[in-house]
Structures are given as C-alpha cells and as structure tokens.
Protein backbone atom coordinates (compact mmCIF):
# COMPACT_ATOMS: atom_id res chain seq x y z
CA MET A 1 115.44 112.35 99.02
CA THR A 2 112.45 111.77 96.93
CA HIS A 3 111.27 115.05 94.46
CA GLN A 4 108.03 115.36 93.82
CA GLN A 5 107.23 116.85 90.45
CA VAL A 6 103.91 118.69 90.23
CA THR A 7 102.32 117.81 86.67
CA THR A 8 98.85 117.51 85.20
CA ASP A 9 97.47 114.44 84.14
CA GLU A 10 98.56 114.35 80.61
CA GLU A 11 102.18 115.54 81.39
CA ALA A 12 102.75 112.22 83.64
CA LEU A 13 101.20 109.96 81.53
CA ALA A 14 103.38 111.08 78.34
CA THR A 15 106.67 111.32 80.86
CA VAL A 16 105.65 107.64 81.88
CA ARG A 17 105.04 106.37 78.30
CA LYS A 18 108.33 107.90 76.87
CA LEU A 19 110.25 106.21 80.00
CA ILE A 20 108.84 102.58 79.65
CA LYS A 21 108.22 102.58 75.30
CA GLY A 22 110.47 99.91 73.61
CA ILE A 23 110.73 98.17 77.16
CA ASP A 24 109.18 95.05 76.62
CA VAL A 25 109.72 92.67 79.99
CA ALA A 26 108.59 94.22 83.15
CA MET A 27 109.03 93.07 86.85
CA LEU A 28 105.51 92.51 88.39
CA THR A 29 105.24 92.67 91.83
CA THR A 30 102.47 91.06 93.97
CA VAL A 31 101.75 90.23 97.29
CA SER A 32 101.51 86.50 98.68
CA ALA A 33 101.18 85.30 101.80
CA GLN A 34 104.96 84.93 102.41
CA GLY A 35 105.73 88.53 101.25
CA LEU A 36 106.48 90.13 98.32
CA VAL A 37 106.85 88.14 95.07
CA SER A 38 108.60 89.72 91.80
CA ARG A 39 108.36 87.69 88.52
CA PRO A 40 108.83 88.99 84.77
CA MET A 41 106.11 89.65 82.70
CA GLN A 42 106.03 90.68 79.06
CA THR A 43 103.94 94.09 78.78
CA GLN A 44 101.39 94.57 76.03
CA ALA A 45 102.46 96.63 73.18
CA VAL A 46 100.07 99.39 73.22
CA GLU A 47 99.96 103.15 74.24
CA PHE A 48 100.95 103.40 77.90
CA ASP A 49 97.15 105.44 78.94
CA GLY A 50 97.36 105.00 82.72
CA ASP A 51 96.92 101.19 82.54
CA LEU A 52 99.13 98.31 81.70
CA TRP A 53 98.14 95.02 80.65
CA PHE A 54 99.69 91.20 81.04
CA ILE A 55 98.62 87.90 79.94
CA THR A 56 98.98 85.18 82.57
CA MET A 57 97.20 82.00 83.41
CA LYS A 58 94.59 81.35 85.96
CA ASP A 59 96.49 78.13 87.53
CA THR A 60 99.37 80.16 88.68
CA ASP A 61 100.41 82.30 92.02
CA LYS A 62 100.43 85.40 90.61
CA TYR A 63 96.46 85.16 89.98
CA ASP A 64 95.84 83.55 93.31
CA GLU A 65 97.86 86.65 95.11
CA LEU A 66 96.06 89.10 92.95
CA LYS A 67 92.66 87.60 94.18
CA GLN A 68 93.65 88.33 97.67
CA ASN A 69 95.34 91.57 97.28
CA PRO A 70 95.18 93.70 94.00
CA HIS A 71 98.28 96.02 95.33
CA VAL A 72 100.88 95.63 93.05
CA ASN A 73 104.19 97.28 91.85
CA VAL A 74 105.67 96.81 88.28
CA ASN A 75 109.42 98.19 87.56
CA TYR A 76 110.93 98.78 84.03
CA VAL A 77 114.90 98.92 83.64
CA GLY A 78 116.10 100.57 80.47
CA LYS A 79 117.50 104.09 79.77
CA SER A 80 115.73 105.02 82.96
CA TYR A 81 114.37 102.86 86.10
CA VAL A 82 110.68 103.32 86.41
CA SER A 83 108.45 101.80 89.43
CA ILE A 84 104.87 102.22 89.01
CA ARG A 85 102.54 101.93 91.79
CA GLY A 86 98.82 100.50 91.33
CA THR A 87 96.05 98.12 91.88
CA ALA A 88 95.57 95.09 89.47
CA GLU A 89 92.15 93.68 88.07
CA ILE A 90 91.75 90.63 86.99
CA VAL A 91 90.07 90.77 83.42
CA ASN A 92 88.55 88.10 81.15
CA ASP A 93 88.04 89.64 77.74
CA ARG A 94 88.61 86.77 74.97
CA ALA A 95 88.91 89.55 72.42
CA LYS A 96 91.26 91.61 74.15
CA ILE A 97 93.61 88.36 74.71
CA ALA A 98 92.97 87.71 70.96
CA GLN A 99 94.68 91.15 70.07
CA PHE A 100 97.87 90.55 72.34
CA TRP A 101 98.31 87.35 71.54
CA ASN A 102 101.43 86.39 69.20
CA ALA A 103 103.44 83.22 68.88
CA ALA A 104 105.98 83.91 71.66
CA TYR A 105 102.75 83.37 73.76
CA GLU A 106 101.95 80.32 72.24
CA LYS A 107 105.39 78.58 72.76
CA MET A 108 105.83 80.31 76.15
CA LEU A 109 102.71 79.03 77.56
CA GLN A 110 102.25 76.00 75.74
CA THR A 111 98.59 77.09 74.76
CA THR A 112 96.38 78.81 72.19
CA ASN A 113 94.57 82.12 72.50
CA ASP A 114 91.32 80.62 73.17
CA ASP A 115 92.38 78.50 75.99
CA PRO A 116 90.10 79.45 78.93
CA ASN A 117 92.86 79.51 81.62
CA LEU A 118 94.19 82.50 79.89
CA ILE A 119 93.41 85.91 81.92
CA LEU A 120 94.45 89.37 81.57
CA ILE A 121 96.21 91.31 84.02
CA LYS A 122 95.06 94.98 83.97
CA VAL A 123 97.08 97.25 86.10
CA HIS A 124 95.87 101.06 87.08
CA ALA A 125 98.87 102.65 87.49
CA GLU A 126 98.60 105.41 90.36
CA THR A 127 102.13 106.54 91.08
CA ALA A 128 105.04 106.32 89.18
CA GLU A 129 108.70 106.82 90.43
CA TYR A 130 111.70 106.72 87.84
CA TRP A 131 115.34 107.79 88.24
CA GLU A 132 117.33 109.06 85.25
CA MET A 133 120.08 106.98 84.56
CA GLY A 134 122.19 108.93 81.86
CA ASN A 135 125.30 109.28 83.95
CA ILE A 136 125.56 106.07 85.63
CA ARG A 137 128.92 106.81 87.83
CA LYS A 138 126.69 109.84 89.26
CA LEU A 139 123.53 107.37 90.14
CA VAL A 140 126.09 104.79 91.68
CA LYS A 141 127.58 107.80 93.62
CA GLN A 142 123.96 108.77 94.78
CA LEU A 143 123.23 105.19 95.48
CA PHE A 144 125.88 104.85 97.82
CA HIS A 145 125.04 108.28 99.56
CA THR A 146 121.88 106.82 100.33
CA ILE A 147 122.66 103.39 101.46
CA THR A 148 125.20 105.02 103.81
CA GLY A 149 123.10 107.60 105.04
CA ASP A 150 124.62 110.40 103.51
CA LYS A 151 122.70 113.67 103.56
CA GLU A 152 123.61 114.69 99.89
CA ASP A 153 120.60 115.81 98.06
CA ASN A 154 119.97 113.59 95.08
CA ALA A 155 116.53 115.00 94.32
CA HIS A 156 117.42 115.83 90.42
CA LEU A 157 118.04 112.05 89.72
CA ASN A 158 114.75 111.01 90.97
CA GLU A 159 111.36 112.12 90.10
CA VAL A 160 107.56 111.22 91.11
CA VAL A 161 104.81 111.67 88.86
CA HIS A 162 100.91 110.71 90.03
CA LEU A 163 99.11 109.37 87.65
CA GLU A 164 95.47 109.17 88.91
CA LYS A 165 92.86 111.13 87.93
CA ASN A 166 91.31 113.71 90.39
CA ASN A 167 87.53 113.08 90.10
C-alpha cells in the first residue's frame, strides 16, 4: 500500500535532495525494443533541483533508447531506497560537460571532455517514491507481506512525493 504524501514543491524537492545526497551511482532504467533495461550511471554532483544529470556517449544503446522513448526511472539505494520517475532529455552542452568532467570519466569512457560523442542526459523528475530503511528487519517483514499478499499496512515505510511544478 502506497501512502501519498501531500507536500509543496519545495518540501518534495528538499526531501528527495536529502535522500539521494551522497549516493554517487544510480540505476537508470530505459525502455528498449525488448523491454526495460537498467544500468549503473554516475550522478553529477550538483544539488538536486528537480533534474538529474548523467554523462554518456551517443554511440550507446541508452542514447538510442532515449531517442525512441524518453520515459525513464532512476533508482538510488543508500539509507533509503529512492525511485524517481521522469522524462529524459538529450542535452549537447559542451560547457556543462566540461563542468561535470573529471579524471574518472576519462578513464572509464577512455576519452576527453571535448569528444563530440559525449552527450548529457537530463532527467526531469516527475515523481519520487521512497522507502525508509532504518529498520531493515521491519522492511524485510513488510516486503514479505507485500509479496505474499498479506494485507498488513506498510504505509509508514513508503512515501510518494510529486515533483512536477503546477503551471
């Protein structure tokens, strides 16, 4: 059972910002012709303002998948589990790539920040759902009840916040 939390835009952003702070790697899920595909991605160290940033290459499956279907999910696991649903945008901004670039990318991607094959993925977060993991035993028990169909209420472990701004 999911509990819908009513918050302001700023409260929702602050909650998600706090939950994902310090978690460097996220799992980005895209939609391929065969179904859902998840892969680890390095999140950029910028304060979460409703958008998440990732660096990738144009000659990857994820780039092609995002061109076909921009709907994504981004998952973080730390002291809490956070699942962010949103829409991805491909951004070709050389200055922003240079801003995010570091030696780890050079090693991992085997290129330099001026490579024209580099591209940014900007995920516009729409909804974030999170589960508190302070008491792992309680969480496992709740997950077991969910899997087996028990009606035990687990609303206190799970919250959903809407991140889209109302226009």
